[in-house]
N, C-alpha and C. Protein backbone atom coordinates (compact mmCIF):
# COMPACT_ATOMS: atom_id res chain seq x y z
N MET A 1 34.19 21.13 -21.82
CA MET A 1 32.77 21.18 -21.67
C MET A 1 32.14 20.27 -22.71
N SER A 2 31.18 19.51 -22.31
CA SER A 2 30.57 18.56 -23.22
C SER A 2 29.50 19.25 -24.07
N ALA A 3 29.21 18.63 -25.24
CA ALA A 3 28.21 19.19 -26.14
C ALA A 3 26.84 19.07 -25.50
N PRO A 4 25.96 20.02 -25.83
CA PRO A 4 24.61 19.94 -25.28
C PRO A 4 23.96 18.60 -25.68
N ARG A 5 23.04 18.19 -24.86
CA ARG A 5 22.38 16.90 -25.06
C ARG A 5 21.70 16.80 -26.42
N PHE A 6 21.04 17.84 -26.90
CA PHE A 6 20.33 17.78 -28.19
C PHE A 6 21.31 17.63 -29.34
N VAL A 7 22.55 18.15 -29.22
CA VAL A 7 23.54 17.99 -30.28
C VAL A 7 23.99 16.53 -30.35
N ARG A 8 24.23 15.93 -29.17
CA ARG A 8 24.62 14.51 -29.15
C ARG A 8 23.50 13.65 -29.72
N SER A 9 22.25 13.94 -29.37
CA SER A 9 21.11 13.17 -29.88
C SER A 9 20.99 13.34 -31.38
N GLY A 10 21.20 14.57 -31.84
CA GLY A 10 21.13 14.83 -33.28
C GLY A 10 22.20 14.08 -34.04
N ALA A 11 23.41 14.06 -33.50
CA ALA A 11 24.50 13.33 -34.14
C ALA A 11 24.20 11.84 -34.18
N ALA A 12 23.65 11.31 -33.11
CA ALA A 12 23.29 9.89 -33.08
C ALA A 12 22.21 9.58 -34.11
N LEU A 13 21.24 10.48 -34.25
CA LEU A 13 20.17 10.29 -35.23
C LEU A 13 20.73 10.29 -36.65
N VAL A 14 21.62 11.24 -36.95
CA VAL A 14 22.23 11.32 -38.28
C VAL A 14 23.03 10.04 -38.56
N ALA A 15 23.78 9.57 -37.57
CA ALA A 15 24.56 8.33 -37.75
C ALA A 15 23.64 7.15 -37.99
N ALA A 16 22.55 7.07 -37.25
CA ALA A 16 21.60 5.96 -37.43
C ALA A 16 20.96 6.02 -38.80
N LEU A 17 20.59 7.20 -39.27
CA LEU A 17 20.01 7.33 -40.61
C LEU A 17 21.01 6.93 -41.68
N PHE A 18 22.25 7.35 -41.52
CA PHE A 18 23.30 7.02 -42.49
C PHE A 18 23.49 5.51 -42.57
N VAL A 19 23.58 4.85 -41.44
CA VAL A 19 23.73 3.39 -41.42
C VAL A 19 22.51 2.72 -42.04
N GLY A 20 21.31 3.24 -41.76
CA GLY A 20 20.09 2.69 -42.33
C GLY A 20 20.06 2.81 -43.84
N VAL A 21 20.51 3.95 -44.35
CA VAL A 21 20.54 4.15 -45.81
C VAL A 21 21.55 3.20 -46.44
N ILE A 22 22.71 3.06 -45.84
CA ILE A 22 23.74 2.16 -46.39
C ILE A 22 23.21 0.73 -46.46
N PHE A 23 22.63 0.23 -45.36
CA PHE A 23 22.17 -1.15 -45.35
C PHE A 23 20.93 -1.35 -46.21
N SER A 24 20.03 -0.39 -46.27
CA SER A 24 18.84 -0.58 -47.11
C SER A 24 19.20 -0.52 -48.58
N ALA A 25 20.21 0.27 -48.95
CA ALA A 25 20.64 0.33 -50.35
C ALA A 25 21.19 -1.03 -50.77
N GLY A 26 21.91 -1.71 -49.88
CA GLY A 26 22.45 -3.02 -50.20
C GLY A 26 21.38 -4.09 -50.26
N ALA A 27 20.26 -3.89 -49.59
CA ALA A 27 19.20 -4.90 -49.53
C ALA A 27 18.22 -4.77 -50.69
N GLN A 28 18.32 -3.70 -51.47
CA GLN A 28 17.39 -3.51 -52.58
C GLN A 28 17.70 -4.49 -53.70
N ALA A 29 16.66 -4.85 -54.44
CA ALA A 29 16.84 -5.78 -55.55
C ALA A 29 17.58 -5.09 -56.69
N SER A 30 18.30 -5.87 -57.44
CA SER A 30 19.07 -5.38 -58.58
C SER A 30 18.48 -5.95 -59.86
N PRO A 31 18.71 -5.29 -60.99
CA PRO A 31 18.27 -5.86 -62.26
C PRO A 31 18.79 -7.28 -62.41
N GLY A 32 17.90 -8.18 -62.77
CA GLY A 32 18.25 -9.59 -62.90
C GLY A 32 17.83 -10.44 -61.72
N ASP A 33 17.54 -9.79 -60.58
CA ASP A 33 17.02 -10.53 -59.43
C ASP A 33 15.59 -10.96 -59.71
N LEU A 34 15.15 -12.05 -59.08
CA LEU A 34 13.77 -12.48 -59.20
C LEU A 34 12.84 -11.41 -58.63
N ASP A 35 11.70 -11.20 -59.27
CA ASP A 35 10.69 -10.26 -58.79
C ASP A 35 9.83 -10.97 -57.76
N LEU A 36 10.09 -10.71 -56.50
CA LEU A 36 9.41 -11.42 -55.42
C LEU A 36 7.94 -11.06 -55.30
N THR A 37 7.47 -10.04 -56.04
CA THR A 37 6.04 -9.73 -56.03
C THR A 37 5.26 -10.65 -56.97
N SER A 38 5.96 -11.46 -57.74
CA SER A 38 5.32 -12.40 -58.66
C SER A 38 5.33 -13.79 -58.02
N SER A 39 4.19 -14.32 -57.73
CA SER A 39 4.02 -15.65 -57.14
C SER A 39 4.69 -15.80 -55.78
N GLY A 40 5.04 -14.71 -55.14
CA GLY A 40 5.64 -14.75 -53.81
C GLY A 40 7.13 -14.99 -53.81
N ASP A 41 7.65 -15.65 -54.84
CA ASP A 41 9.09 -15.90 -54.89
C ASP A 41 9.68 -15.66 -56.28
N GLY A 42 8.87 -15.10 -57.19
CA GLY A 42 9.36 -14.80 -58.54
C GLY A 42 9.32 -15.97 -59.50
N LYS A 43 8.81 -17.12 -59.06
CA LYS A 43 8.80 -18.31 -59.91
C LYS A 43 7.39 -18.91 -59.94
N GLN A 44 7.06 -19.54 -61.06
CA GLN A 44 5.77 -20.23 -61.18
C GLN A 44 5.98 -21.45 -62.07
N LYS A 45 5.55 -22.58 -61.62
CA LYS A 45 5.62 -23.82 -62.40
C LYS A 45 4.19 -24.33 -62.55
N THR A 46 3.82 -24.66 -63.78
CA THR A 46 2.47 -25.14 -64.05
C THR A 46 2.55 -26.53 -64.66
N ASP A 47 1.86 -27.47 -64.07
CA ASP A 47 1.89 -28.86 -64.49
C ASP A 47 0.66 -29.17 -65.35
N PHE A 48 0.92 -29.69 -66.54
CA PHE A 48 -0.17 -30.15 -67.41
C PHE A 48 -0.29 -31.66 -67.39
N GLY A 49 0.60 -32.37 -66.72
CA GLY A 49 0.45 -33.79 -66.57
C GLY A 49 1.50 -34.66 -67.22
N LYS A 50 2.45 -34.09 -67.91
CA LYS A 50 3.50 -34.90 -68.54
C LYS A 50 4.75 -34.04 -68.63
N SER A 51 5.60 -34.32 -69.58
CA SER A 51 6.77 -33.47 -69.83
C SER A 51 6.30 -32.22 -70.57
N ASP A 52 6.10 -31.15 -69.82
CA ASP A 52 5.53 -29.93 -70.38
C ASP A 52 6.65 -28.98 -70.82
N PHE A 53 6.42 -28.29 -71.93
CA PHE A 53 7.38 -27.33 -72.45
C PHE A 53 6.66 -26.05 -72.82
N ALA A 54 7.24 -24.93 -72.42
CA ALA A 54 6.74 -23.62 -72.85
C ALA A 54 7.58 -23.18 -74.05
N ASN A 55 6.90 -22.70 -75.08
CA ASN A 55 7.60 -22.30 -76.30
C ASN A 55 7.38 -20.84 -76.67
N GLY A 56 6.34 -20.20 -76.13
CA GLY A 56 6.05 -18.82 -76.50
C GLY A 56 5.32 -18.11 -75.38
N VAL A 57 5.44 -16.80 -75.37
CA VAL A 57 4.80 -16.00 -74.33
C VAL A 57 4.34 -14.67 -74.92
N ALA A 58 3.24 -14.16 -74.42
CA ALA A 58 2.73 -12.85 -74.82
C ALA A 58 2.17 -12.14 -73.60
N LEU A 59 2.30 -10.84 -73.60
CA LEU A 59 1.81 -10.03 -72.50
C LEU A 59 0.59 -9.25 -72.96
N GLN A 60 -0.54 -9.48 -72.29
CA GLN A 60 -1.77 -8.77 -72.63
C GLN A 60 -1.70 -7.33 -72.10
N ALA A 61 -2.53 -6.46 -72.67
CA ALA A 61 -2.56 -5.05 -72.27
C ALA A 61 -2.90 -4.89 -70.78
N ASP A 62 -3.67 -5.83 -70.22
CA ASP A 62 -4.06 -5.75 -68.81
C ASP A 62 -3.01 -6.35 -67.88
N GLY A 63 -1.85 -6.72 -68.42
CA GLY A 63 -0.77 -7.27 -67.61
C GLY A 63 -0.79 -8.78 -67.45
N LYS A 64 -1.84 -9.43 -67.95
CA LYS A 64 -1.90 -10.90 -67.86
C LYS A 64 -0.89 -11.49 -68.84
N ILE A 65 -0.37 -12.66 -68.48
CA ILE A 65 0.68 -13.32 -69.25
C ILE A 65 0.14 -14.61 -69.84
N VAL A 66 0.28 -14.79 -71.15
CA VAL A 66 -0.17 -16.00 -71.84
C VAL A 66 1.07 -16.78 -72.28
N VAL A 67 1.13 -18.04 -71.88
CA VAL A 67 2.24 -18.91 -72.23
C VAL A 67 1.69 -20.10 -73.02
N VAL A 68 2.38 -20.47 -74.10
CA VAL A 68 1.95 -21.62 -74.91
C VAL A 68 3.09 -22.61 -75.04
N GLY A 69 2.73 -23.86 -75.28
CA GLY A 69 3.71 -24.92 -75.47
C GLY A 69 3.01 -26.23 -75.70
N ASN A 70 3.50 -27.28 -75.07
CA ASN A 70 2.81 -28.57 -75.14
C ASN A 70 2.78 -29.18 -73.75
N GLY A 71 1.78 -30.01 -73.56
CA GLY A 71 1.61 -30.64 -72.27
C GLY A 71 0.48 -31.65 -72.34
N ASP A 72 0.02 -32.08 -71.21
CA ASP A 72 -1.05 -33.07 -71.08
C ASP A 72 -0.46 -34.44 -71.39
N VAL A 73 -1.16 -35.46 -71.07
CA VAL A 73 -0.65 -36.83 -71.28
C VAL A 73 -0.55 -37.19 -72.75
N ASP A 74 -1.25 -36.45 -73.62
CA ASP A 74 -1.23 -36.75 -75.06
C ASP A 74 -0.37 -35.77 -75.85
N ASP A 75 0.44 -34.96 -75.18
CA ASP A 75 1.25 -33.94 -75.86
C ASP A 75 0.38 -33.04 -76.73
N ASP A 76 -0.57 -32.39 -76.12
CA ASP A 76 -1.46 -31.47 -76.82
C ASP A 76 -0.93 -30.04 -76.75
N PHE A 77 -1.52 -29.17 -77.60
CA PHE A 77 -1.31 -27.74 -77.44
C PHE A 77 -1.62 -27.42 -75.98
N ALA A 78 -0.82 -26.61 -75.34
CA ALA A 78 -1.08 -26.22 -73.96
C ALA A 78 -0.96 -24.71 -73.84
N LEU A 79 -1.94 -24.10 -73.18
CA LEU A 79 -1.93 -22.67 -72.90
C LEU A 79 -2.15 -22.47 -71.41
N ALA A 80 -1.48 -21.48 -70.87
CA ALA A 80 -1.73 -21.08 -69.49
C ALA A 80 -1.78 -19.56 -69.48
N ARG A 81 -2.71 -19.04 -68.68
CA ARG A 81 -2.76 -17.58 -68.52
C ARG A 81 -2.61 -17.25 -67.05
N TYR A 82 -1.72 -16.30 -66.79
CA TYR A 82 -1.39 -15.89 -65.43
C TYR A 82 -1.83 -14.45 -65.18
N ASN A 83 -2.21 -14.19 -63.97
CA ASN A 83 -2.49 -12.83 -63.54
C ASN A 83 -1.17 -12.08 -63.41
N PRO A 84 -1.22 -10.74 -63.35
CA PRO A 84 0.03 -9.98 -63.20
C PRO A 84 0.85 -10.38 -61.96
N ASN A 85 0.20 -10.93 -60.94
CA ASN A 85 0.94 -11.34 -59.73
C ASN A 85 1.54 -12.74 -59.85
N GLY A 86 1.39 -13.39 -61.02
CA GLY A 86 1.98 -14.70 -61.26
C GLY A 86 1.09 -15.88 -60.99
N SER A 87 -0.08 -15.66 -60.41
CA SER A 87 -1.00 -16.78 -60.15
C SER A 87 -1.76 -17.14 -61.43
N LEU A 88 -2.16 -18.40 -61.54
CA LEU A 88 -2.99 -18.80 -62.68
C LEU A 88 -4.29 -18.02 -62.65
N ASP A 89 -4.77 -17.63 -63.84
CA ASP A 89 -5.99 -16.84 -63.97
C ASP A 89 -7.19 -17.77 -64.12
N PRO A 90 -7.99 -17.95 -63.07
CA PRO A 90 -9.12 -18.88 -63.15
C PRO A 90 -10.23 -18.42 -64.10
N SER A 91 -10.20 -17.17 -64.54
CA SER A 91 -11.21 -16.72 -65.50
C SER A 91 -10.92 -17.26 -66.90
N PHE A 92 -9.74 -17.85 -67.10
CA PHE A 92 -9.38 -18.47 -68.36
C PHE A 92 -9.56 -19.98 -68.23
N SER A 93 -10.58 -20.52 -68.84
CA SER A 93 -10.84 -21.96 -68.88
C SER A 93 -11.12 -22.57 -67.50
N GLY A 94 -11.48 -21.74 -66.53
CA GLY A 94 -11.86 -22.24 -65.22
C GLY A 94 -10.71 -22.46 -64.24
N ASN A 95 -9.50 -22.72 -64.78
CA ASN A 95 -8.36 -22.96 -63.90
C ASN A 95 -7.07 -22.32 -64.41
N GLY A 96 -7.18 -21.52 -65.47
CA GLY A 96 -6.00 -20.85 -66.03
C GLY A 96 -5.25 -21.65 -67.07
N LYS A 97 -5.71 -22.89 -67.33
CA LYS A 97 -5.01 -23.76 -68.27
C LYS A 97 -5.99 -24.28 -69.32
N GLN A 98 -5.48 -24.52 -70.53
CA GLN A 98 -6.30 -25.07 -71.61
C GLN A 98 -5.41 -25.94 -72.49
N THR A 99 -5.94 -27.08 -72.91
CA THR A 99 -5.23 -27.91 -73.88
C THR A 99 -6.13 -28.15 -75.08
N THR A 100 -5.50 -28.36 -76.23
CA THR A 100 -6.22 -28.63 -77.47
C THR A 100 -5.52 -29.77 -78.19
N ASP A 101 -6.29 -30.79 -78.56
CA ASP A 101 -5.75 -31.97 -79.22
C ASP A 101 -6.02 -31.90 -80.71
N PHE A 102 -4.96 -32.04 -81.51
CA PHE A 102 -5.10 -32.06 -82.96
C PHE A 102 -5.02 -33.48 -83.50
N GLY A 103 -4.95 -34.48 -82.63
CA GLY A 103 -4.99 -35.86 -83.07
C GLY A 103 -3.73 -36.65 -82.82
N GLY A 104 -2.68 -36.03 -82.39
CA GLY A 104 -1.43 -36.74 -82.12
C GLY A 104 -0.54 -35.86 -81.27
N PRO A 105 0.75 -36.10 -81.29
CA PRO A 105 1.64 -35.20 -80.56
C PRO A 105 1.60 -33.81 -81.18
N ASP A 106 1.14 -32.84 -80.41
CA ASP A 106 0.97 -31.48 -80.90
C ASP A 106 1.74 -30.53 -79.99
N ALA A 107 2.11 -29.38 -80.53
CA ALA A 107 2.76 -28.37 -79.70
C ALA A 107 2.50 -26.99 -80.27
N ALA A 108 2.19 -26.06 -79.41
CA ALA A 108 2.10 -24.64 -79.80
C ALA A 108 3.50 -24.06 -79.66
N HIS A 109 3.93 -23.31 -80.67
CA HIS A 109 5.28 -22.74 -80.66
C HIS A 109 5.30 -21.23 -80.51
N ALA A 110 4.19 -20.59 -80.80
CA ALA A 110 4.15 -19.12 -80.73
C ALA A 110 2.72 -18.69 -80.41
N VAL A 111 2.60 -17.48 -79.91
CA VAL A 111 1.29 -16.95 -79.54
C VAL A 111 1.22 -15.49 -79.97
N ALA A 112 0.04 -15.10 -80.40
CA ALA A 112 -0.22 -13.69 -80.76
C ALA A 112 -1.54 -13.28 -80.13
N LEU A 113 -1.63 -12.02 -79.78
CA LEU A 113 -2.85 -11.48 -79.20
C LEU A 113 -3.50 -10.55 -80.21
N GLN A 114 -4.77 -10.79 -80.48
CA GLN A 114 -5.50 -9.93 -81.40
C GLN A 114 -6.05 -8.71 -80.66
N ALA A 115 -6.30 -7.65 -81.40
CA ALA A 115 -6.83 -6.41 -80.81
C ALA A 115 -8.18 -6.64 -80.13
N ASN A 116 -8.94 -7.65 -80.58
CA ASN A 116 -10.25 -7.94 -79.98
C ASN A 116 -10.15 -8.82 -78.74
N GLY A 117 -8.92 -9.13 -78.29
CA GLY A 117 -8.72 -9.92 -77.07
C GLY A 117 -8.56 -11.40 -77.30
N LYS A 118 -8.75 -11.87 -78.53
CA LYS A 118 -8.59 -13.30 -78.78
C LYS A 118 -7.12 -13.68 -78.82
N ILE A 119 -6.86 -14.94 -78.51
CA ILE A 119 -5.50 -15.47 -78.43
C ILE A 119 -5.31 -16.46 -79.57
N VAL A 120 -4.26 -16.29 -80.35
CA VAL A 120 -3.96 -17.18 -81.47
C VAL A 120 -2.67 -17.93 -81.15
N ALA A 121 -2.73 -19.25 -81.20
CA ALA A 121 -1.56 -20.09 -80.97
C ALA A 121 -1.27 -20.87 -82.25
N VAL A 122 0.00 -20.96 -82.60
CA VAL A 122 0.41 -21.70 -83.80
C VAL A 122 1.50 -22.69 -83.42
N GLY A 123 1.56 -23.76 -84.19
CA GLY A 123 2.57 -24.78 -83.93
C GLY A 123 2.46 -25.90 -84.93
N HIS A 124 2.60 -27.12 -84.44
CA HIS A 124 2.46 -28.27 -85.32
C HIS A 124 1.52 -29.29 -84.68
N GLY A 125 0.92 -30.08 -85.57
CA GLY A 125 0.01 -31.12 -85.12
C GLY A 125 0.10 -32.31 -86.05
N LEU A 126 -0.27 -33.44 -85.52
CA LEU A 126 -0.25 -34.67 -86.30
C LEU A 126 -1.66 -34.94 -86.80
N ASP A 127 -1.81 -35.06 -88.12
CA ASP A 127 -3.13 -35.34 -88.70
C ASP A 127 -3.54 -36.78 -88.42
N GLY A 128 -4.82 -37.07 -88.65
CA GLY A 128 -5.34 -38.41 -88.43
C GLY A 128 -4.64 -39.47 -89.26
N ASP A 129 -4.10 -39.09 -90.42
CA ASP A 129 -3.41 -40.07 -91.27
C ASP A 129 -1.92 -40.18 -90.93
N GLY A 130 -1.48 -39.50 -89.87
CA GLY A 130 -0.10 -39.61 -89.43
C GLY A 130 0.85 -38.58 -90.02
N THR A 131 0.34 -37.65 -90.83
CA THR A 131 1.22 -36.62 -91.38
C THR A 131 1.23 -35.40 -90.46
N GLN A 132 2.39 -34.79 -90.43
CA GLN A 132 2.57 -33.60 -89.61
C GLN A 132 2.15 -32.37 -90.42
N GLY A 133 1.56 -31.38 -89.77
CA GLY A 133 1.17 -30.16 -90.46
C GLY A 133 1.14 -28.98 -89.51
N PHE A 134 0.94 -27.80 -90.12
CA PHE A 134 0.75 -26.61 -89.31
C PHE A 134 -0.48 -26.80 -88.45
N ALA A 135 -0.46 -26.23 -87.28
CA ALA A 135 -1.63 -26.25 -86.41
C ALA A 135 -1.89 -24.83 -85.93
N LEU A 136 -3.12 -24.43 -85.98
CA LEU A 136 -3.53 -23.08 -85.57
C LEU A 136 -4.79 -23.19 -84.74
N ALA A 137 -4.82 -22.52 -83.62
CA ALA A 137 -6.01 -22.50 -82.79
C ALA A 137 -6.22 -21.09 -82.27
N ARG A 138 -7.49 -20.67 -82.22
CA ARG A 138 -7.82 -19.34 -81.68
C ARG A 138 -8.74 -19.52 -80.49
N TYR A 139 -8.43 -18.79 -79.43
CA TYR A 139 -9.15 -18.91 -78.16
C TYR A 139 -9.77 -17.56 -77.79
N LEU A 140 -10.85 -17.62 -77.06
CA LEU A 140 -11.44 -16.40 -76.50
C LEU A 140 -10.56 -15.94 -75.36
N GLY A 141 -10.21 -14.67 -75.36
CA GLY A 141 -9.29 -14.15 -74.37
C GLY A 141 -9.97 -13.61 -73.12
N GLY A 142 -11.10 -12.99 -73.29
CA GLY A 142 -11.84 -12.46 -72.15
C GLY A 142 -11.19 -11.41 -71.34
């Protein structure tokens, strides 16, 4: 005698759920995988116009990401601020990017966030007389 129809349907449902759990567990992201919720593919490249380098990063309390380095055609201090989703934050300098010229090849190497929301970038800059020195710039964070 064959099993009642509802028992066969129930067994098929359990088997389908089991297969679904097995395959969905394998499809989940693992630690170290790119976070696809950031910029759609987990990656973001920002062009300042030359050979750009990122040297420091800080995470704001609101989840925004501040990256500093050098860029622009004159090798200036370069800052970029990103929204938590990885897109450039247009509320920062109108397009999410800012450069500061100290007079020669300059680069920001580290960044700190002040409790009042201001952003401090430090690095090196070339003085007008050609000597290299510490460079410090503070920006409104907003």
